[in-house]
Amino acid sequence: MYKEEAKINCQIFQKQEPVIKDVTDKINKAKGVQGKARFAEKLQEEVDVLLSCTDYKSESLDCKNCHFISEMREKTANLIIKAKKLEK
């Protein structure tokens, strides 16, 4: 199946995207909630780089798409971390 890659024209996004994908792969491969949560915390850190971007322009479609994707990833990380707390 063909998977279309995000085409966001931004150096910061292009730099962070492979790092975020690597962390996401680690979350998917980790066993148990505790292992996934450790990587989810790292995902939050990496996503925060994009959400706190000093070059953000509200009128830019690339910036809007970047923030949308980043917010979804942040919510995912938060859910995993909450699941860890519930497991205790």
Protein backbone atom coordinates (compact mmCIF):
# COMPACT_ATOMS: atom_id res chain seq x y z
CA MET A 1 0.00 0.00 0.00
CA TYR A 2 1.28 3.45 -0.89
CA LYS A 3 1.74 5.79 2.05
CA GLU A 4 1.88 9.47 1.23
CA GLU A 5 4.48 11.41 3.19
CA ALA A 6 3.73 14.77 4.73
CA LYS A 7 4.98 17.53 2.47
CA ILE A 8 5.48 20.47 4.77
CA ASN A 9 7.96 22.99 3.48
CA CYS A 10 9.79 23.84 6.70
CA GLN A 11 13.35 23.14 7.77
CA ILE A 12 12.40 22.62 11.40
CA PHE A 13 9.65 20.16 10.50
CA GLN A 14 11.94 18.32 8.08
CA LYS A 15 14.57 18.02 10.82
CA GLN A 16 12.12 16.85 13.51
CA GLU A 17 10.06 14.47 11.38
CA PRO A 18 12.61 11.61 11.19
CA VAL A 19 13.26 11.91 14.93
CA ILE A 20 9.53 11.80 15.69
CA LYS A 21 9.00 8.84 13.35
CA ASP A 22 11.83 6.98 15.08
CA VAL A 23 10.29 7.58 18.52
CA THR A 24 6.86 6.57 17.19
CA ASP A 25 8.32 3.31 15.86
CA LYS A 26 9.83 2.65 19.28
CA ILE A 27 6.45 3.23 20.92
CA ASN A 28 4.83 0.78 18.51
CA LYS A 29 7.49 -1.87 19.15
CA ALA A 30 7.67 -1.45 22.93
CA LYS A 31 6.05 -4.11 25.10
CA GLY A 32 3.66 -3.01 27.80
CA VAL A 33 2.39 0.37 28.84
CA GLN A 34 5.46 1.22 30.92
CA GLY A 35 7.79 0.79 27.94
CA LYS A 36 5.51 2.71 25.62
CA ALA A 37 5.13 5.54 28.16
CA ARG A 38 8.88 6.05 28.36
CA PHE A 39 8.98 6.69 24.62
CA ALA A 40 5.76 8.74 24.76
CA GLU A 41 7.53 11.18 27.08
CA LYS A 42 10.31 11.49 24.51
CA LEU A 43 7.67 12.02 21.81
CA GLN A 44 6.22 14.91 23.83
CA GLU A 45 9.64 16.56 23.97
CA GLU A 46 10.17 16.26 20.23
CA VAL A 47 6.66 17.48 19.39
CA ASP A 48 7.10 20.45 21.74
CA VAL A 49 9.92 21.63 19.47
CA LEU A 50 7.38 22.02 16.67
CA LEU A 51 4.59 23.44 18.81
CA SER A 52 6.88 26.10 20.26
CA CYS A 53 8.41 27.04 16.90
CA THR A 54 9.51 30.67 16.83
CA ASP A 55 9.01 30.76 13.04
CA TYR A 56 5.28 29.93 13.32
CA LYS A 57 3.07 32.02 11.05
CA SER A 58 -0.67 31.66 11.56
CA GLU A 59 -1.38 32.45 7.90
CA SER A 60 0.93 29.70 6.60
CA LEU A 61 -0.75 26.45 5.52
CA ASP A 62 2.50 24.58 6.23
CA CYS A 63 2.53 25.94 9.79
CA LYS A 64 -1.15 25.07 10.29
CA ASN A 65 -0.57 21.52 9.04
CA CYS A 66 2.53 21.12 11.18
CA HIS A 67 0.67 22.24 14.30
CA PHE A 68 -2.31 20.01 13.51
CA ILE A 69 -0.08 16.94 13.11
CA SER A 70 1.93 17.89 16.19
CA GLU A 71 -1.20 18.36 18.31
CA MET A 72 -2.45 14.90 17.29
CA ARG A 73 0.89 13.38 18.22
CA GLU A 74 0.88 15.23 21.54
CA LYS A 75 -2.61 13.89 22.34
CA THR A 76 -1.45 10.37 21.50
CA ALA A 77 1.56 10.72 23.79
CA ASN A 78 -0.66 12.07 26.57
CA LEU A 79 -3.04 9.11 26.26
CA ILE A 80 -0.19 6.63 26.57
CA ILE A 81 1.18 8.44 29.62
CA LYS A 82 -2.29 8.50 31.22
CA ALA A 83 -2.62 4.77 30.59
CA LYS A 84 0.67 4.26 32.44
CA LYS A 85 -0.72 6.16 35.45
CA LEU A 86 -3.91 4.09 35.39
CA GLU A 87 -1.93 0.86 35.30
CA LYS A 88 -0.19 1.60 38.61
